[in-house]
Amino acid sequence: MSLTAMIAMAMTMVAADPVDTARKEFNDCLVKFTNESLDAKKPQSDFTKESATACPAEKAKLVELMVKAEMQYGGKKDEAESYANDETQMIIDSYVGSYGDFMASNTRHGK
C-alpha cells in the first residue's frame, strides 16, 4: 500500500472535531436563514432582529461544545460561556453585516 493511501485512510478514521462540526452546522443554518430572508426581501432591520434568535438548536449545541472544550483546558465555566457567546455573536454579526450587500447585489450565500 502506498504512503498516500495510508495517509488518506488514516485521515478518514480520525474523528472530526465536534466543535468544528457544530460550527459548520450553525453556519449552514445561518446561510439557509439568510438566503430565505433575502428571497423574502426582508428589510435589514427585520433580518437583524430575527438573526438574534435564528438557529437556536445549532447555536446551543455550538455553545455547549465550546464551553466543554474550554473547560477541558482548565478554563472557568463563566469565562468559557462568555467566550462561546461572544464567538457565536461574531458569527451572527458577520451575516448581519453582509446582508445589505447580498440584498443590493441580488446574490445569495453559497451560490
PDB file of N, CA and C in Angstrom:
ATOM      1  N   MET A   1       0.847  -1.170   0.000  1.00  0.00           N
ATOM      2  CA  MET A   1       0.000   0.000   0.000  1.00  0.00           C
ATOM      3  C   MET A   1       0.897   1.239   0.000  1.00  0.00           C
ATOM      4  N   SER A   2       0.503   2.232  -0.788  1.00  0.00           N
ATOM      5  CA  SER A   2       1.316   3.442  -0.884  1.00  0.00           C
ATOM      6  C   SER A   2       1.136   4.312   0.356  1.00  0.00           C
ATOM      7  N   LEU A   3       2.117   5.163   0.591  1.00  0.00           N
ATOM      8  CA  LEU A   3       2.066   6.079   1.725  1.00  0.00           C
ATOM      9  C   LEU A   3       0.860   7.012   1.606  1.00  0.00           C
ATOM     10  N   THR A   4       0.580   7.473   0.403  1.00  0.00           N
ATOM     11  CA  THR A   4      -0.552   8.376   0.189  1.00  0.00           C
ATOM     12  C   THR A   4      -1.860   7.697   0.567  1.00  0.00           C
ATOM     13  N   ALA A   5      -2.018   6.449   0.184  1.00  0.00           N
ATOM     14  CA  ALA A   5      -3.242   5.719   0.511  1.00  0.00           C
ATOM     15  C   ALA A   5      -3.359   5.506   2.016  1.00  0.00           C
ATOM     16  N   MET A   6      -2.249   5.221   2.678  1.00  0.00           N
ATOM     17  CA  MET A   6      -2.290   5.024   4.128  1.00  0.00           C
ATOM     18  C   MET A   6      -2.653   6.314   4.849  1.00  0.00           C
ATOM     19  N   ILE A   7      -2.113   7.424   4.382  1.00  0.00           N
ATOM     20  CA  ILE A   7      -2.428   8.720   4.991  1.00  0.00           C
ATOM     21  C   ILE A   7      -3.901   9.045   4.782  1.00  0.00           C
ATOM     22  N   ALA A   8      -4.392   8.813   3.579  1.00  0.00           N
ATOM     23  CA  ALA A   8      -5.799   9.085   3.289  1.00  0.00           C
ATOM     24  C   ALA A   8      -6.710   8.239   4.169  1.00  0.00           C
ATOM     25  N   MET A   9      -6.368   6.965   4.351  1.00  0.00           N
ATOM     26  CA  MET A   9      -7.153   6.090   5.212  1.00  0.00           C
ATOM     27  C   MET A   9      -7.122   6.567   6.655  1.00  0.00           C
ATOM     28  N   ALA A  10      -5.952   6.958   7.110  1.00  0.00           N
ATOM     29  CA  ALA A  10      -5.809   7.429   8.492  1.00  0.00           C
ATOM     30  C   ALA A  10      -6.624   8.698   8.713  1.00  0.00           C
ATOM     31  N   MET A  11      -6.645   9.570   7.730  1.00  0.00           N
ATOM     32  CA  MET A  11      -7.385  10.828   7.865  1.00  0.00           C
ATOM     33  C   MET A  11      -8.886  10.575   7.947  1.00  0.00           C
ATOM     34  N   THR A  12      -9.379   9.582   7.233  1.00  0.00           N
ATOM     35  CA  THR A  12     -10.806   9.296   7.293  1.00  0.00           C
ATOM     36  C   THR A  12     -11.188   8.634   8.608  1.00  0.00           C
ATOM     37  N   MET A  13     -10.230   8.002   9.270  1.00  0.00           N
ATOM     38  CA  MET A  13     -10.508   7.336  10.529  1.00  0.00           C
ATOM     39  C   MET A  13     -10.469   8.297  11.712  1.00  0.00           C
ATOM     40  N   VAL A  14      -9.836   9.446  11.552  1.00  0.00           N
ATOM     41  CA  VAL A  14      -9.760  10.433  12.623  1.00  0.00           C
ATOM     42  C   VAL A  14     -11.130  11.103  12.761  1.00  0.00           C
ATOM     43  N   ALA A  15     -11.648  11.117  13.955  1.00  0.00           N
ATOM     44  CA  ALA A  15     -12.948  11.731  14.188  1.00  0.00           C
ATOM     45  C   ALA A  15     -12.856  13.240  13.999  1.00  0.00           C
ATOM     46  N   ALA A  16     -13.891  13.781  13.428  1.00  0.00           N
ATOM     47  CA  ALA A  16     -13.942  15.230  13.240  1.00  0.00           C
ATOM     48  C   ALA A  16     -14.074  15.906  14.599  1.00  0.00           C
ATOM     49  N   ASP A  17     -13.506  17.085  14.711  1.00  0.00           N
ATOM     50  CA  ASP A  17     -13.617  17.870  15.938  1.00  0.00           C
ATOM     51  C   ASP A  17     -15.082  18.269  16.119  1.00  0.00           C
ATOM     52  N   PRO A  18     -15.704  17.897  17.236  1.00  0.00           N
ATOM     53  CA  PRO A  18     -17.126  18.210  17.429  1.00  0.00           C
ATOM     54  C   PRO A  18     -17.427  19.710  17.400  1.00  0.00           C
ATOM     55  N   VAL A  19     -16.499  20.535  17.865  1.00  0.00           N
ATOM     56  CA  VAL A  19     -16.730  21.985  17.826  1.00  0.00           C
ATOM     57  C   VAL A  19     -16.755  22.460  16.374  1.00  0.00           C
ATOM     58  N   ASP A  20     -15.830  21.968  15.561  1.00  0.00           N
ATOM     59  CA  ASP A  20     -15.815  22.355  14.147  1.00  0.00           C
ATOM     60  C   ASP A  20     -17.074  21.892  13.438  1.00  0.00           C
ATOM     61  N   THR A  21     -17.525  20.696  13.760  1.00  0.00           N
ATOM     62  CA  THR A  21     -18.754  20.171  13.153  1.00  0.00           C
ATOM     63  C   THR A  21     -19.947  21.028  13.563  1.00  0.00           C
ATOM     64  N   ALA A  22     -20.042  21.372  14.840  1.00  0.00           N
ATOM     65  CA  ALA A  22     -21.147  22.209  15.322  1.00  0.00           C
ATOM     66  C   ALA A  22     -21.076  23.608  14.720  1.00  0.00           C
ATOM     67  N   ARG A  23     -19.867  24.138  14.560  1.00  0.00           N
ATOM     68  CA  ARG A  23     -19.702  25.462  13.952  1.00  0.00           C
ATOM     69  C   ARG A  23     -20.197  25.441  12.500  1.00  0.00           C
ATOM     70  N   LYS A  24     -19.874  24.374  11.784  1.00  0.00           N
ATOM     71  CA  LYS A  24     -20.325  24.231  10.393  1.00  0.00           C
ATOM     72  C   LYS A  24     -21.852  24.125  10.332  1.00  0.00           C
ATOM     73  N   GLU A  25     -22.440  23.346  11.241  1.00  0.00           N
ATOM     74  CA  GLU A  25     -23.897  23.205  11.268  1.00  0.00           C
ATOM     75  C   GLU A  25     -24.571  24.545  11.559  1.00  0.00           C
ATOM     76  N   PHE A  26     -24.006  25.329  12.470  1.00  0.00           N
ATOM     77  CA  PHE A  26     -24.547  26.645  12.790  1.00  0.00           C
ATOM     78  C   PHE A  26     -24.430  27.568  11.580  1.00  0.00           C
ATOM     79  N   ASN A  27     -23.272  27.570  10.941  1.00  0.00           N
ATOM     80  CA  ASN A  27     -23.090  28.393   9.745  1.00  0.00           C
ATOM     81  C   ASN A  27     -24.026  27.969   8.628  1.00  0.00           C
ATOM     82  N   ASP A  28     -24.179  26.665   8.415  1.00  0.00           N
ATOM     83  CA  ASP A  28     -25.075  26.176   7.367  1.00  0.00           C
ATOM     84  C   ASP A  28     -26.505  26.636   7.624  1.00  0.00           C
ATOM     85  N   CYS A  29     -26.930  26.573   8.871  1.00  0.00           N
ATOM     86  CA  CYS A  29     -28.266  27.029   9.233  1.00  0.00           C
ATOM     87  C   CYS A  29     -28.413  28.532   8.984  1.00  0.00           C
ATOM     88  N   LEU A  30     -27.392  29.301   9.339  1.00  0.00           N
ATOM     89  CA  LEU A  30     -27.452  30.751   9.115  1.00  0.00           C
ATOM     90  C   LEU A  30     -27.451  31.096   7.636  1.00  0.00           C
ATOM     91  N   VAL A  31     -26.753  30.315   6.827  1.00  0.00           N
ATOM     92  CA  VAL A  31     -26.780  30.528   5.370  1.00  0.00           C
ATOM     93  C   VAL A  31     -28.205  30.327   4.869  1.00  0.00           C
ATOM     94  N   LYS A  32     -28.830  29.236   5.301  1.00  0.00           N
ATOM     95  CA  LYS A  32     -30.209  28.960   4.888  1.00  0.00           C
ATOM     96  C   LYS A  32     -31.141  30.076   5.339  1.00  0.00           C
ATOM     97  N   PHE A  33     -31.024  30.474   6.606  1.00  0.00           N
ATOM     98  CA  PHE A  33     -31.849  31.554   7.146  1.00  0.00           C
ATOM     99  C   PHE A  33     -31.644  32.847   6.363  1.00  0.00           C
ATOM    100  N   THR A  34     -30.391  33.173   6.078  1.00  0.00           N
ATOM    101  CA  THR A  34     -30.079  34.397   5.344  1.00  0.00           C
ATOM    102  C   THR A  34     -30.649  34.356   3.939  1.00  0.00           C
ATOM    103  N   ASN A  35     -30.433  33.245   3.234  1.00  0.00           N
ATOM    104  CA  ASN A  35     -30.936  33.142   1.864  1.00  0.00           C
ATOM    105  C   ASN A  35     -32.461  33.189   1.816  1.00  0.00           C
ATOM    106  N   GLU A  36     -33.123  32.545   2.777  1.00  0.00           N
ATOM    107  CA  GLU A  36     -34.589  32.615   2.842  1.00  0.00           C
ATOM    108  C   GLU A  36     -35.045  34.049   3.110  1.00  0.00           C
ATOM    109  N   SER A  37     -34.323  34.754   3.961  1.00  0.00           N
ATOM    110  CA  SER A  37     -34.662  36.157   4.254  1.00  0.00           C
ATOM    111  C   SER A  37     -34.460  37.026   3.031  1.00  0.00           C
ATOM    112  N   LEU A  38     -33.384  36.773   2.291  1.00  0.00           N
ATOM    113  CA  LEU A  38     -33.138  37.526   1.062  1.00  0.00           C
ATOM    114  C   LEU A  38     -34.222  37.246   0.027  1.00  0.00           C
ATOM    115  N   ASP A  39     -34.591  35.978  -0.104  1.00  0.00           N
ATOM    116  CA  ASP A  39     -35.653  35.614  -1.054  1.00  0.00           C
ATOM    117  C   ASP A  39     -36.971  36.277  -0.685  1.00  0.00           C
ATOM    118  N   ALA A  40     -37.231  36.428   0.618  1.00  0.00           N
ATOM    119  CA  ALA A  40     -38.453  37.079   1.090  1.00  0.00           C
ATOM    120  C   ALA A  40     -38.330  38.605   1.078  1.00  0.00           C
ATOM    121  N   LYS A  41     -37.146  39.086   0.717  1.00  0.00           N
ATOM    122  CA  LYS A  41     -36.862  40.530   0.660  1.00  0.00           C
ATOM    123  C   LYS A  41     -37.146  41.229   2.001  1.00  0.00           C
ATOM    124  N   LYS A  42     -36.724  40.568   3.072  1.00  0.00           N
ATOM    125  CA  LYS A  42     -36.882  41.167   4.397  1.00  0.00           C
ATOM    126  C   LYS A  42     -35.990  42.393   4.511  1.00  0.00           C
ATOM    127  N   PRO A  43     -36.493  43.436   5.113  1.00  0.00           N
ATOM    128  CA  PRO A  43     -35.652  44.613   5.352  1.00  0.00           C
ATOM    129  C   PRO A  43     -34.500  44.268   6.301  1.00  0.00           C
ATOM    130  N   GLN A  44     -33.426  45.016   6.181  1.00  0.00           N
ATOM    131  CA  GLN A  44     -32.249  44.812   7.033  1.00  0.00           C
ATOM    132  C   GLN A  44     -32.632  44.805   8.508  1.00  0.00           C
ATOM    133  N   SER A  45     -33.504  45.720   8.910  1.00  0.00           N
ATOM    134  CA  SER A  45     -33.865  45.809  10.332  1.00  0.00           C
ATOM    135  C   SER A  45     -34.562  44.537  10.812  1.00  0.00           C
ATOM    136  N   ASP A  46     -35.430  43.962   9.996  1.00  0.00           N
ATOM    137  CA  ASP A  46     -36.097  42.712  10.373  1.00  0.00           C
ATOM    138  C   ASP A  46     -35.096  41.564  10.439  1.00  0.00           C
ATOM    139  N   PHE A  47     -34.219  41.513   9.453  1.00  0.00           N
ATOM    140  CA  PHE A  47     -33.218  40.449   9.434  1.00  0.00           C
ATOM    141  C   PHE A  47     -32.320  40.543  10.665  1.00  0.00           C
ATOM    142  N   THR A  48     -31.900  41.740  10.992  1.00  0.00           N
ATOM    143  CA  THR A  48     -31.030  41.943  12.151  1.00  0.00           C
ATOM    144  C   THR A  48     -31.719  41.463  13.422  1.00  0.00           C
ATOM    145  N   LYS A  49     -32.970  41.846  13.599  1.00  0.00           N
ATOM    146  CA  LYS A  49     -33.721  41.455  14.784  1.00  0.00           C
ATOM    147  C   LYS A  49     -33.916  39.939  14.833  1.00  0.00           C
ATOM    148  N   GLU A  50     -34.308  39.338  13.728  1.00  0.00           N
ATOM    149  CA  GLU A  50     -34.595  37.904  13.690  1.00  0.00           C
ATOM    150  C   GLU A  50     -33.330  37.053  13.776  1.00  0.00           C
ATOM    151  N   SER A  51     -32.211  37.589  13.330  1.00  0.00           N
ATOM    152  CA  SER A  51     -30.974  36.804  13.346  1.00  0.00           C
ATOM    153  C   SER A  51     -30.517  36.490  14.769  1.00  0.00           C
ATOM    154  N   ALA A  52     -30.929  37.306  15.722  1.00  0.00           N
ATOM    155  CA  ALA A  52     -30.539  37.084  17.119  1.00  0.00           C
ATOM    156  C   ALA A  52     -31.099  35.773  17.660  1.00  0.00           C
ATOM    157  N   THR A  53     -32.225  35.318  17.101  1.00  0.00           N
ATOM    158  CA  THR A  53     -32.849  34.087  17.580  1.00  0.00           C
ATOM    159  C   THR A  53     -32.870  32.986  16.519  1.00  0.00           C
ATOM    160  N   ALA A  54     -32.198  33.207  15.411  1.00  0.00           N
ATOM    161  CA  ALA A  54     -32.160  32.196  14.345  1.00  0.00           C
ATOM    162  C   ALA A  54     -31.318  30.999  14.783  1.00  0.00           C
ATOM    163  N   CYS A  55     -31.693  29.843  14.313  1.00  0.00           N
ATOM    164  CA  CYS A  55     -30.913  28.603  14.513  1.00  0.00           C
ATOM    165  C   CYS A  55     -30.628  28.317  15.983  1.00  0.00           C
ATOM    166  N   PRO A  56     -31.653  28.319  16.832  1.00  0.00           N
ATOM    167  CA  PRO A  56     -31.409  28.150  18.268  1.00  0.00           C
ATOM    168  C   PRO A  56     -30.782  26.809  18.646  1.00  0.00           C
ATOM    169  N   ALA A  57     -31.201  25.731  18.010  1.00  0.00           N
ATOM    170  CA  ALA A  57     -30.647  24.409  18.366  1.00  0.00           C
ATOM    171  C   ALA A  57     -29.176  24.320  17.984  1.00  0.00           C
ATOM    172  N   GLU A  58     -28.847  24.801  16.793  1.00  0.00           N
ATOM    173  CA  GLU A  58     -27.462  24.755  16.325  1.00  0.00           C
ATOM    174  C   GLU A  58     -26.568  25.661  17.163  1.00  0.00           C
ATOM    175  N   LYS A  59     -27.090  26.819  17.533  1.00  0.00           N
ATOM    176  CA  LYS A  59     -26.320  27.742  18.368  1.00  0.00           C
ATOM    177  C   LYS A  59     -26.080  27.143  19.747  1.00  0.00           C
ATOM    178  N   ALA A  60     -27.114  26.570  20.338  1.00  0.00           N
ATOM    179  CA  ALA A  60     -26.983  25.980  21.673  1.00  0.00           C
ATOM    180  C   ALA A  60     -25.975  24.836  21.669  1.00  0.00           C
ATOM    181  N   LYS A  61     -26.009  24.029  20.631  1.00  0.00           N
ATOM    182  CA  LYS A  61     -25.070  22.912  20.535  1.00  0.00           C
ATOM    183  C   LYS A  61     -23.637  23.431  20.425  1.00  0.00           C
ATOM    184  N   LEU A  62     -23.438  24.453  19.607  1.00  0.00           N
ATOM    185  CA  LEU A  62     -22.099  25.023  19.446  1.00  0.00           C
ATOM    186  C   LEU A  62     -21.603  25.607  20.763  1.00  0.00           C
ATOM    187  N   VAL A  63     -22.437  26.368  21.431  1.00  0.00           N
ATOM    188  CA  VAL A  63     -22.051  26.960  22.717  1.00  0.00           C
ATOM    189  C   VAL A  63     -21.703  25.858  23.720  1.00  0.00           C
ATOM    190  N   GLU A  64     -22.547  24.848  23.801  1.00  0.00           N
ATOM    191  CA  GLU A  64     -22.306  23.745  24.741  1.00  0.00           C
ATOM    192  C   GLU A  64     -20.955  23.073  24.480  1.00  0.00           C
ATOM    193  N   LEU A  65     -20.666  22.780  23.224  1.00  0.00           N
ATOM    194  CA  LEU A  65     -19.419  22.098  22.895  1.00  0.00           C
ATOM    195  C   LEU A  65     -18.203  23.001  23.087  1.00  0.00           C
ATOM    196  N   MET A  66     -18.367  24.287  22.813  1.00  0.00           N
ATOM    197  CA  MET A  66     -17.256  25.215  23.023  1.00  0.00           C
ATOM    198  C   MET A  66     -16.947  25.343  24.518  1.00  0.00           C
ATOM    199  N   VAL A  67     -17.977  25.426  25.334  1.00  0.00           N
ATOM    200  CA  VAL A  67     -17.785  25.527  26.778  1.00  0.00           C
ATOM    201  C   VAL A  67     -17.084  24.268  27.285  1.00  0.00           C
ATOM    202  N   LYS A  68     -17.556  23.132  26.843  1.00  0.00           N
ATOM    203  CA  LYS A  68     -16.952  21.860  27.252  1.00  0.00           C
ATOM    204  C   LYS A  68     -15.472  21.817  26.855  1.00  0.00           C
ATOM    205  N   ALA A  69     -15.174  22.224  25.641  1.00  0.00           N
ATOM    206  CA  ALA A  69     -13.786  22.207  25.164  1.00  0.00           C
ATOM    207  C   ALA A  69     -12.919  23.170  25.974  1.00  0.00           C
ATOM    208  N   GLU A  70     -13.411  24.363  26.235  1.00  0.00           N
ATOM    209  CA  GLU A  70     -12.645  25.343  27.007  1.00  0.00           C
ATOM    210  C   GLU A  70     -12.376  24.849  28.422  1.00  0.00           C
ATOM    211  N   MET A  71     -13.366  24.203  29.008  1.00  0.00           N
ATOM    212  CA  MET A  71     -13.206  23.717  30.380  1.00  0.00           C
ATOM    213  C   MET A  71     -12.226  22.539  30.441  1.00  0.00           C
ATOM    214  N   GLN A  72     -12.113  21.784  29.364  1.00  0.00           N
ATOM    215  CA  GLN A  72     -11.134  20.699  29.327  1.00  0.00           C
ATOM    216  C   GLN A  72      -9.705  21.231  29.391  1.00  0.00           C
ATOM    217  N   TYR A  73      -9.539  22.482  28.963  1.00  0.00           N
ATOM    218  CA  TYR A  73      -8.210  23.107  29.011  1.00  0.00           C
ATOM    219  C   TYR A  73      -8.012  23.917  30.286  1.00  0.00           C
ATOM    220  N   GLY A  74      -8.913  23.730  31.254  1.00  0.00           N
ATOM    221  CA  GLY A  74      -8.738  24.374  32.545  1.00  0.00           C
ATOM    222  C   GLY A  74      -9.440  25.702  32.695  1.00  0.00           C
ATOM    223  N   GLY A  75     -10.245  26.073  31.715  1.00  0.00           N
ATOM    224  CA  GLY A  75     -10.963  27.336  31.810  1.00  0.00           C
ATOM    225  C   GLY A  75     -12.102  27.269  32.811  1.00  0.00           C
ATOM    226  N   LYS A  76     -12.503  28.418  33.290  1.00  0.00           N
ATOM    227  CA  LYS A  76     -13.631  28.503  34.212  1.00  0.00           C
ATOM    228  C   LYS A  76     -14.918  28.566  33.404  1.00  0.00           C
ATOM    229  N   LYS A  77     -15.980  28.002  33.967  1.00  0.00           N
ATOM    230  CA  LYS A  77     -17.242  27.894  33.237  1.00  0.00           C
ATOM    231  C   LYS A  77     -17.768  29.251  32.777  1.00  0.00           C
ATOM    232  N   ASP A  78     -17.766  30.250  33.655  1.00  0.00           N
ATOM    233  CA  ASP A  78     -18.310  31.552  33.266  1.00  0.00           C
ATOM    234  C   ASP A  78     -17.481  32.202  32.154  1.00  0.00           C
ATOM    235  N   GLU A  79     -16.175  32.018  32.194  1.00  0.00           N
ATOM    236  CA  GLU A  79     -15.316  32.551  31.127  1.00  0.00           C
ATOM    237  C   GLU A  79     -15.536  31.797  29.828  1.00  0.00           C
ATOM    238  N   ALA A  80     -15.697  30.481  29.924  1.00  0.00           N
ATOM    239  CA  ALA A  80     -15.940  29.656  28.739  1.00  0.00           C
ATOM    240  C   ALA A  80     -17.276  30.023  28.100  1.00  0.00           C
ATOM    241  N   GLU A  81     -18.287  30.257  28.920  1.00  0.00           N
ATOM    242  CA  GLU A  81     -19.593  30.649  28.396  1.00  0.00           C
ATOM    243  C   GLU A  81     -19.531  32.016  27.731  1.00  0.00           C
ATOM    244  N   SER A  82     -18.820  32.929  28.337  1.00  0.00           N
ATOM    245  CA  SER A  82     -18.661  34.260  27.762  1.00  0.00           C
ATOM    246  C   SER A  82     -17.953  34.184  26.410  1.00  0.00           C
ATOM    247  N   TYR A  83     -16.880  33.402  26.350  1.00  0.00           N
ATOM    248  CA  TYR A  83     -16.139  33.211  25.100  1.00  0.00           C
ATOM    249  C   TYR A  83     -17.039  32.607  24.023  1.00  0.00           C
ATOM    250  N   ALA A  84     -17.784  31.557  24.375  1.00  0.00           N
ATOM    251  CA  ALA A  84     -18.651  30.879  23.413  1.00  0.00           C
ATOM    252  C   ALA A  84     -19.753  31.813  22.918  1.00  0.00           C
ATOM    253  N   ASN A  85     -20.343  32.574  23.829  1.00  0.00           N
ATOM    254  CA  ASN A  85     -21.391  33.517  23.433  1.00  0.00           C
ATOM    255  C   ASN A  85     -20.839  34.626  22.556  1.00  0.00           C
ATOM    256  N   ASP A  86     -19.641  35.107  22.862  1.00  0.00           N
ATOM    257  CA  ASP A  86     -19.012  36.138  22.033  1.00  0.00           C
ATOM    258  C   ASP A  86     -18.728  35.610  20.635  1.00  0.00           C
ATOM    259  N   GLU A  87     -18.213  34.384  20.553  1.00  0.00           N
ATOM    260  CA  GLU A  87     -17.892  33.828  19.238  1.00  0.00           C
ATOM    261  C   GLU A  87     -19.143  33.605  18.397  1.00  0.00           C
ATOM    262  N   THR A  88     -20.203  33.061  19.001  1.00  0.00           N
ATOM    263  CA  THR A  88     -21.423  32.858  18.217  1.00  0.00           C
ATOM    264  C   THR A  88     -22.025  34.199  17.793  1.00  0.00           C
ATOM    265  N   GLN A  89     -21.909  35.212  18.637  1.00  0.00           N
ATOM    266  CA  GLN A  89     -22.417  36.532  18.254  1.00  0.00           C
ATOM    267  C   GLN A  89     -21.604  37.117  17.100  1.00  0.00           C
ATOM    268  N   MET A  90     -20.308  36.873  17.084  1.00  0.00           N
ATOM    269  CA  MET A  90     -19.486  37.359  15.961  1.00  0.00           C
ATOM    270  C   MET A  90     -19.894  36.678  14.659  1.00  0.00           C
ATOM    271  N   ILE A  91     -20.248  35.410  14.735  1.00  0.00           N
ATOM    272  CA  ILE A  91     -20.709  34.702  13.537  1.00  0.00           C
ATOM    273  C   ILE A  91     -22.001  35.339  13.042  1.00  0.00           C
ATOM    274  N   ILE A  92     -22.944  35.558  13.952  1.00  0.00           N
ATOM    275  CA  ILE A  92     -24.214  36.193  13.576  1.00  0.00           C
ATOM    276  C   ILE A  92     -23.958  37.584  13.012  1.00  0.00           C
ATOM    277  N   ASP A  93     -23.094  38.345  13.663  1.00  0.00           N
ATOM    278  CA  ASP A  93     -22.787  39.704  13.202  1.00  0.00           C
ATOM    279  C   ASP A  93     -22.219  39.716  11.785  1.00  0.00           C
ATOM    280  N   SER A  94     -21.480  38.687  11.421  1.00  0.00           N
ATOM    281  CA  SER A  94     -20.927  38.646  10.064  1.00  0.00           C
ATOM    282  C   SER A  94     -22.042  38.490   9.034  1.00  0.00           C
ATOM    283  N   TYR A  95     -23.079  37.729   9.368  1.00  0.00           N
ATOM    284  CA  TYR A  95     -24.218  37.584   8.456  1.00  0.00           C
ATOM    285  C   TYR A  95     -25.025  38.876   8.395  1.00  0.00           C
ATOM    286  N   VAL A  96     -25.219  39.497   9.545  1.00  0.00           N
ATOM    287  CA  VAL A  96     -25.938  40.771   9.583  1.00  0.00           C
ATOM    288  C   VAL A  96     -25.172  41.821   8.770  1.00  0.00           C
ATOM    289  N   GLY A  97     -23.860  41.838   8.933  1.00  0.00           N
ATOM    290  CA  GLY A  97     -23.037  42.815   8.227  1.00  0.00           C
ATOM    291  C   GLY A  97     -23.039  42.654   6.722  1.00  0.00           C
ATOM    292  N   SER A  98     -23.191  41.430   6.236  1.00  0.00           N
ATOM    293  CA  SER A  98     -23.153  41.203   4.784  1.00  0.00           C
ATOM    294  C   SER A  98     -24.541  41.189   4.153  1.00  0.00           C
ATOM    295  N   TYR A  99     -25.584  41.205   4.960  1.00  0.00           N
ATOM    296  CA  TYR A  99     -26.946  41.083   4.437  1.00  0.00           C
ATOM    297  C   TYR A  99     -27.272  42.171   3.416  1.00  0.00           C
ATOM    298  N   GLY A 100     -26.962  43.397   3.738  1.00  0.00           N
ATOM    299  CA  GLY A 100     -27.263  44.505   2.831  1.00  0.00           C
ATOM    300  C   GLY A 100     -26.539  44.379   1.497  1.00  0.00           C
ATOM    301  N   ASP A 101     -25.299  43.909   1.527  1.00  0.00           N
ATOM    302  CA  ASP A 101     -24.552  43.722   0.278  1.00  0.00           C
ATOM    303  C   ASP A 101     -25.184  42.638  -0.586  1.00  0.00           C
ATOM    304  N   PHE A 102     -25.588  41.545   0.055  1.00  0.00           N
ATOM    305  CA  PHE A 102     -26.248  40.480  -0.711  1.00  0.00           C
ATOM    306  C   PHE A 102     -27.574  40.975  -1.274  1.00  0.00           C
ATOM    307  N   MET A 103     -28.310  41.743  -0.480  1.00  0.00           N
ATOM    308  CA  MET A 103     -29.591  42.261  -0.941  1.00  0.00           C
ATOM    309  C   MET A 103     -29.389  43.225  -2.115  1.00  0.00           C
ATOM    310  N   ALA A 104     -28.418  44.104  -2.005  1.00  0.00           N
ATOM    311  CA  ALA A 104     -28.175  45.087  -3.063  1.00  0.00           C
ATOM    312  C   ALA A 104     -27.707  44.435  -4.362  1.00  0.00           C
ATOM    313  N   SER A 105     -26.936  43.372  -4.245  1.00  0.00           N
ATOM    314  CA  SER A 105     -26.403  42.726  -5.451  1.00  0.00           C
ATOM    315  C   SER A 105     -27.292  41.578  -5.933  1.00  0.00           C
ATOM    316  N   ASN A 106     -28.375  41.298  -5.202  1.00  0.00           N
ATOM    317  CA  ASN A 106     -29.284  40.207  -5.537  1.00  0.00           C
ATOM    318  C   ASN A 106     -28.568  38.874  -5.680  1.00  0.00           C
ATOM    319  N   THR A 107     -27.604  38.640  -4.768  1.00  0.00           N
ATOM    320  CA  THR A 107     -26.876  37.385  -4.738  1.00  0.00           C
ATOM    321  C   THR A 107     -27.191  36.662  -3.431  1.00  0.00           C
ATOM    322  N   ARG A 108     -26.727  35.424  -3.354  1.00  0.00           N
ATOM    323  CA  ARG A 108     -27.017  34.614  -2.176  1.00  0.00           C
ATOM    324  C   ARG A 108     -25.733  33.970  -1.676  1.00  0.00           C
ATOM    325  N   HIS A 109     -25.720  33.633  -0.399  1.00  0.00           N
ATOM    326  CA  HIS A 109     -24.596  32.891   0.187  1.00  0.00           C
ATOM    327  C   HIS A 109     -24.499  31.537  -0.497  1.00  0.00           C
ATOM    328  N   GLY A 110     -23.289  31.139  -0.812  1.00  0.00           N
ATOM    329  CA  GLY A 110     -23.054  29.804  -1.339  1.00  0.00           C
ATOM    330  C   GLY A 110     -23.529  29.577  -2.755  1.00  0.00           C
ATOM    331  N   LYS A 111     -23.900  30.613  -3.452  1.00  0.00           N
ATOM    332  CA  LYS A 111     -24.404  30.439  -4.826  1.00  0.00           C
ATOM    333  C   LYS A 111     -23.632  31.306  -5.778  1.00  0.00           C
TER     334      LYS A 111
END
